[in-house]
Amino acid sequence: MLKAARLINEAKRPPSLWSISLITRWKTATPWIFSPRRKPKEDFSKAVKTGRHIYDYVFTDSANEREFVRELDTGTDVVVYAKLPRTFFIPTPVGDYSPDWAIAFQEGAVKHVYFIAETKGSLSSMDLRKIEECKIDCARKFFSKITSDQVKYDVVNSYARLMELVK
């Protein structure tokens, strides 16, 4: 009940009070984000064998993500990618936000060498919960504030959409 009240009150806070300046502490990513403090039990039915991921297997949350992984692994412009762990998050006024993917492309092949992606089954804002939509808007502001034009963040629903954004 208390959590629900907190979420409601945070959602009611007007956007003019939101400050994206809290971003300054996120200058570099540190390696600890890929080293969980305790090893969770993973369901291997959600695992996909990979070739370009930082690990041999990636655990996906949906069929859309599994297809995305297969296409990342076969994409000729992709050098390496990672499913970002929940320990990597961006603090926002409506709660912590964890993007799904970090992707590095072959330099010279695309206009954005590094890409942070959120995968969704649909790109329609009508299909997103309002709080999730607010977190994604904060993430866009966060990445535009701290990155160069070589790094891009966006929401994609497929590998084809990702390639549209980076080519």
C-alpha atoms as a PDB file:
ATOM      1  CA  MET A   1       0.000   0.000   0.000  1.00  0.00           C
ATOM      2  CA  LEU A   2       2.818   2.400   0.881  1.00  0.00           C
ATOM      3  CA  LYS A   3       4.623   1.612  -2.362  1.00  0.00           C
ATOM      4  CA  ALA A   4       1.464   2.291  -4.371  1.00  0.00           C
ATOM      5  CA  ALA A   5       0.996   5.645  -2.611  1.00  0.00           C
ATOM      6  CA  ARG A   6       4.626   6.586  -3.276  1.00  0.00           C
ATOM      7  CA  LEU A   7       4.277   5.718  -6.979  1.00  0.00           C
ATOM      8  CA  ILE A   8       1.073   7.750  -7.268  1.00  0.00           C
ATOM      9  CA  ASN A   9       2.629  10.769  -5.574  1.00  0.00           C
ATOM     10  CA  GLU A  10       5.747  10.567  -7.743  1.00  0.00           C
ATOM     11  CA  ALA A  11       3.631  10.300 -10.892  1.00  0.00           C
ATOM     12  CA  LYS A  12       1.636  13.389  -9.859  1.00  0.00           C
ATOM     13  CA  ARG A  13       4.805  15.493  -9.543  1.00  0.00           C
ATOM     14  CA  PRO A  14       4.808  18.024 -12.403  1.00  0.00           C
ATOM     15  CA  PRO A  15       7.502  17.633 -15.065  1.00  0.00           C
ATOM     16  CA  SER A  16       8.724  21.182 -14.382  1.00  0.00           C
ATOM     17  CA  LEU A  17      10.074  19.924 -11.044  1.00  0.00           C
ATOM     18  CA  TRP A  18      12.035  17.116 -12.644  1.00  0.00           C
ATOM     19  CA  SER A  19      15.731  17.721 -12.868  1.00  0.00           C
ATOM     20  CA  ILE A  20      17.915  15.876 -15.278  1.00  0.00           C
ATOM     21  CA  SER A  21      21.017  17.540 -13.828  1.00  0.00           C
ATOM     22  CA  LEU A  22      21.492  14.514 -11.541  1.00  0.00           C
ATOM     23  CA  ILE A  23      23.151  12.995 -14.586  1.00  0.00           C
ATOM     24  CA  THR A  24      26.565  14.450 -13.843  1.00  0.00           C
ATOM     25  CA  ARG A  25      27.574  11.539 -11.629  1.00  0.00           C
ATOM     26  CA  TRP A  26      27.276   9.116 -14.562  1.00  0.00           C
ATOM     27  CA  LYS A  27      30.405  10.115 -16.495  1.00  0.00           C
ATOM     28  CA  THR A  28      31.685   6.582 -17.154  1.00  0.00           C
ATOM     29  CA  ALA A  29      30.309   3.072 -16.884  1.00  0.00           C
ATOM     30  CA  THR A  30      32.115   0.904 -14.386  1.00  0.00           C
ATOM     31  CA  PRO A  31      32.759  -2.836 -14.779  1.00  0.00           C
ATOM     32  CA  TRP A  32      30.856  -3.740 -11.591  1.00  0.00           C
ATOM     33  CA  ILE A  33      27.553  -3.474 -13.436  1.00  0.00           C
ATOM     34  CA  PHE A  34      28.268  -6.790 -15.160  1.00  0.00           C
ATOM     35  CA  SER A  35      29.244  -8.586 -11.931  1.00  0.00           C
ATOM     36  CA  PRO A  36      26.176  -9.373  -9.839  1.00  0.00           C
ATOM     37  CA  ARG A  37      26.739  -9.504  -6.092  1.00  0.00           C
ATOM     38  CA  ARG A  38      25.005 -12.841  -5.902  1.00  0.00           C
ATOM     39  CA  LYS A  39      24.419 -15.204  -8.762  1.00  0.00           C
ATOM     40  CA  PRO A  40      20.702 -15.446  -9.522  1.00  0.00           C
ATOM     41  CA  LYS A  41      19.171 -18.722 -10.620  1.00  0.00           C
ATOM     42  CA  GLU A  42      18.479 -18.378 -14.324  1.00  0.00           C
ATOM     43  CA  ASP A  43      15.900 -20.256 -16.339  1.00  0.00           C
ATOM     44  CA  PHE A  44      17.841 -21.575 -19.352  1.00  0.00           C
ATOM     45  CA  SER A  45      14.625 -21.804 -21.373  1.00  0.00           C
ATOM     46  CA  LYS A  46      14.992 -18.017 -21.739  1.00  0.00           C
ATOM     47  CA  ALA A  47      18.675 -18.269 -22.766  1.00  0.00           C
ATOM     48  CA  VAL A  48      19.947 -17.795 -26.300  1.00  0.00           C
ATOM     49  CA  LYS A  49      23.409 -18.986 -27.395  1.00  0.00           C
ATOM     50  CA  THR A  50      25.291 -16.013 -28.811  1.00  0.00           C
ATOM     51  CA  GLY A  51      28.395 -15.191 -30.763  1.00  0.00           C
ATOM     52  CA  ARG A  52      28.784 -11.424 -30.320  1.00  0.00           C
ATOM     53  CA  HIS A  53      27.343 -10.919 -26.844  1.00  0.00           C
ATOM     54  CA  ILE A  54      29.828 -10.347 -24.004  1.00  0.00           C
ATOM     55  CA  TYR A  55      28.773 -13.739 -22.626  1.00  0.00           C
ATOM     56  CA  ASP A  56      28.111 -17.052 -24.388  1.00  0.00           C
ATOM     57  CA  TYR A  57      24.424 -16.938 -23.476  1.00  0.00           C
ATOM     58  CA  VAL A  58      21.998 -14.071 -23.051  1.00  0.00           C
ATOM     59  CA  PHE A  59      18.830 -14.308 -20.978  1.00  0.00           C
ATOM     60  CA  THR A  60      15.913 -12.587 -22.649  1.00  0.00           C
ATOM     61  CA  ASP A  61      12.629 -11.307 -21.278  1.00  0.00           C
ATOM     62  CA  SER A  62      10.429 -11.878 -24.340  1.00  0.00           C
ATOM     63  CA  ALA A  63      10.133 -13.474 -27.761  1.00  0.00           C
ATOM     64  CA  ASN A  64      10.784 -10.022 -29.252  1.00  0.00           C
ATOM     65  CA  GLU A  65      14.122  -9.838 -27.385  1.00  0.00           C
ATOM     66  CA  ARG A  66      15.072 -13.371 -28.499  1.00  0.00           C
ATOM     67  CA  GLU A  67      14.528 -12.392 -32.136  1.00  0.00           C
ATOM     68  CA  PHE A  68      16.459  -9.163 -31.558  1.00  0.00           C
ATOM     69  CA  VAL A  69      19.416 -11.179 -30.178  1.00  0.00           C
ATOM     70  CA  ARG A  70      19.416 -13.524 -33.174  1.00  0.00           C
ATOM     71  CA  GLU A  71      19.526 -10.543 -35.526  1.00  0.00           C
ATOM     72  CA  LEU A  72      22.255  -8.775 -33.503  1.00  0.00           C
ATOM     73  CA  ASP A  73      24.351 -11.933 -33.741  1.00  0.00           C
ATOM     74  CA  THR A  74      24.000 -12.132 -37.511  1.00  0.00           C
ATOM     75  CA  GLY A  75      24.182  -8.395 -38.249  1.00  0.00           C
ATOM     76  CA  THR A  76      27.372  -7.611 -40.158  1.00  0.00           C
ATOM     77  CA  ASP A  77      27.733  -4.115 -38.641  1.00  0.00           C
ATOM     78  CA  VAL A  78      27.491  -5.275 -35.005  1.00  0.00           C
ATOM     79  CA  VAL A  79      30.852  -5.816 -33.272  1.00  0.00           C
ATOM     80  CA  VAL A  80      29.699  -6.622 -29.724  1.00  0.00           C
ATOM     81  CA  TYR A  81      26.608  -6.123 -27.580  1.00  0.00           C
ATOM     82  CA  ALA A  82      25.436  -6.641 -24.019  1.00  0.00           C
ATOM     83  CA  LYS A  83      22.104  -7.104 -22.310  1.00  0.00           C
ATOM     84  CA  LEU A  84      22.460  -4.528 -19.576  1.00  0.00           C
ATOM     85  CA  PRO A  85      21.907  -5.895 -16.077  1.00  0.00           C
ATOM     86  CA  ARG A  86      19.381  -4.330 -13.737  1.00  0.00           C
ATOM     87  CA  THR A  87      22.318  -3.009 -11.691  1.00  0.00           C
ATOM     88  CA  PHE A  88      22.889  -0.514 -14.516  1.00  0.00           C
ATOM     89  CA  PHE A  89      20.196   2.081 -14.123  1.00  0.00           C
ATOM     90  CA  ILE A  90      19.462   5.734 -14.614  1.00  0.00           C
ATOM     91  CA  PRO A  91      17.856   7.483 -11.658  1.00  0.00           C
ATOM     92  CA  THR A  92      14.743   9.386 -12.761  1.00  0.00           C
ATOM     93  CA  PRO A  93      12.157  11.374 -10.816  1.00  0.00           C
ATOM     94  CA  VAL A  94       9.664   8.520 -11.294  1.00  0.00           C
ATOM     95  CA  GLY A  95      11.995   5.661 -10.325  1.00  0.00           C
ATOM     96  CA  ASP A  96      15.108   3.941 -11.607  1.00  0.00           C
ATOM     97  CA  TYR A  97      15.189   3.056 -15.295  1.00  0.00           C
ATOM     98  CA  SER A  98      17.242   0.213 -16.792  1.00  0.00           C
ATOM     99  CA  PRO A  99      17.736   0.252 -20.575  1.00  0.00           C
ATOM    100  CA  ASP A 100      17.966  -3.175 -22.220  1.00  0.00           C
ATOM    101  CA  TRP A 101      21.007  -3.136 -24.511  1.00  0.00           C
ATOM    102  CA  ALA A 102      24.407  -1.585 -25.193  1.00  0.00           C
ATOM    103  CA  ILE A 103      25.544  -2.169 -28.774  1.00  0.00           C
ATOM    104  CA  ALA A 104      28.846  -1.326 -30.478  1.00  0.00           C
ATOM    105  CA  PHE A 105      28.934  -1.124 -34.266  1.00  0.00           C
ATOM    106  CA  GLN A 106      31.767  -1.326 -36.774  1.00  0.00           C
ATOM    107  CA  GLU A 107      33.275   2.169 -36.989  1.00  0.00           C
ATOM    108  CA  GLY A 108      32.678   3.755 -40.380  1.00  0.00           C
ATOM    109  CA  ALA A 109      29.725   1.483 -41.175  1.00  0.00           C
ATOM    110  CA  VAL A 110      27.150   3.501 -39.228  1.00  0.00           C
ATOM    111  CA  LYS A 111      26.734   7.074 -38.009  1.00  0.00           C
ATOM    112  CA  HIS A 112      26.391   6.124 -34.312  1.00  0.00           C
ATOM    113  CA  VAL A 113      29.152   3.773 -33.186  1.00  0.00           C
ATOM    114  CA  TYR A 114      27.569   3.104 -29.786  1.00  0.00           C
ATOM    115  CA  PHE A 115      23.866   2.617 -29.168  1.00  0.00           C
ATOM    116  CA  ILE A 116      21.825   2.138 -25.995  1.00  0.00           C
ATOM    117  CA  ALA A 117      18.527   0.478 -26.836  1.00  0.00           C
ATOM    118  CA  GLU A 118      15.260  -0.280 -25.140  1.00  0.00           C
ATOM    119  CA  THR A 119      13.354  -3.052 -26.912  1.00  0.00           C
ATOM    120  CA  LYS A 120       9.580  -2.962 -26.926  1.00  0.00           C
ATOM    121  CA  GLY A 121       7.079  -5.068 -28.801  1.00  0.00           C
ATOM    122  CA  SER A 122       5.380  -1.866 -29.943  1.00  0.00           C
ATOM    123  CA  LEU A 123       6.601   1.691 -30.463  1.00  0.00           C
ATOM    124  CA  SER A 124       3.155   3.166 -29.787  1.00  0.00           C
ATOM    125  CA  SER A 125       3.039   5.339 -26.692  1.00  0.00           C
ATOM    126  CA  MET A 126      -0.522   4.071 -26.248  1.00  0.00           C
ATOM    127  CA  ASP A 127       0.913   0.632 -25.425  1.00  0.00           C
ATOM    128  CA  LEU A 128       3.336   1.894 -22.748  1.00  0.00           C
ATOM    129  CA  ARG A 129       2.386   2.510 -19.155  1.00  0.00           C
ATOM    130  CA  LYS A 130       2.585   6.225 -18.346  1.00  0.00           C
ATOM    131  CA  ILE A 131       5.349   5.749 -15.763  1.00  0.00           C
ATOM    132  CA  GLU A 132       7.426   3.753 -18.256  1.00  0.00           C
ATOM    133  CA  GLU A 133       6.903   6.448 -20.877  1.00  0.00           C
ATOM    134  CA  CYS A 134       8.171   9.071 -18.375  1.00  0.00           C
ATOM    135  CA  LYS A 135      11.264   6.967 -17.602  1.00  0.00           C
ATOM    136  CA  ILE A 136      12.019   6.629 -21.330  1.00  0.00           C
ATOM    137  CA  ASP A 137      11.670  10.407 -21.795  1.00  0.00           C
ATOM    138  CA  CYS A 138      14.104  10.939 -18.910  1.00  0.00           C
ATOM    139  CA  ALA A 139      16.533   8.439 -20.476  1.00  0.00           C
ATOM    140  CA  ARG A 140      16.429  10.355 -23.781  1.00  0.00           C
ATOM    141  CA  LYS A 141      17.309  13.587 -21.943  1.00  0.00           C
ATOM    142  CA  PHE A 142      19.965  11.790 -19.900  1.00  0.00           C
ATOM    143  CA  PHE A 143      21.788  10.359 -22.908  1.00  0.00           C
ATOM    144  CA  SER A 144      21.506  13.550 -24.967  1.00  0.00           C
ATOM    145  CA  LYS A 145      23.085  15.470 -22.078  1.00  0.00           C
ATOM    146  CA  ILE A 146      26.046  13.156 -21.436  1.00  0.00           C
ATOM    147  CA  THR A 147      26.940  11.786 -24.860  1.00  0.00           C
ATOM    148  CA  SER A 148      28.482  12.795 -28.155  1.00  0.00           C
ATOM    149  CA  ASP A 149      26.839  12.161 -31.510  1.00  0.00           C
ATOM    150  CA  GLN A 150      28.616   8.803 -31.655  1.00  0.00           C
ATOM    151  CA  VAL A 151      26.339   7.503 -28.881  1.00  0.00           C
ATOM    152  CA  LYS A 152      22.584   7.291 -29.342  1.00  0.00           C
ATOM    153  CA  TYR A 153      19.713   6.092 -27.191  1.00  0.00           C
ATOM    154  CA  ASP A 154      16.296   5.150 -28.492  1.00  0.00           C
ATOM    155  CA  VAL A 155      13.448   2.667 -28.244  1.00  0.00           C
ATOM    156  CA  VAL A 156      13.314   0.044 -30.976  1.00  0.00           C
ATOM    157  CA  ASN A 157      10.941  -2.812 -31.723  1.00  0.00           C
ATOM    158  CA  SER A 158      13.233  -4.705 -34.093  1.00  0.00           C
ATOM    159  CA  TYR A 159      16.736  -4.955 -35.498  1.00  0.00           C
ATOM    160  CA  ALA A 160      15.473  -3.359 -38.725  1.00  0.00           C
ATOM    161  CA  ARG A 161      14.316  -0.292 -36.753  1.00  0.00           C
ATOM    162  CA  LEU A 162      17.680  -0.141 -34.970  1.00  0.00           C
ATOM    163  CA  MET A 163      19.499  -0.125 -38.310  1.00  0.00           C
ATOM    164  CA  GLU A 164      17.206   2.653 -39.598  1.00  0.00           C
ATOM    165  CA  LEU A 165      18.327   4.800 -36.660  1.00  0.00           C
ATOM    166  CA  VAL A 166      22.064   4.178 -37.001  1.00  0.00           C
ATOM    167  CA  LYS A 167      22.545   4.155 -40.789  1.00  0.00           C
END
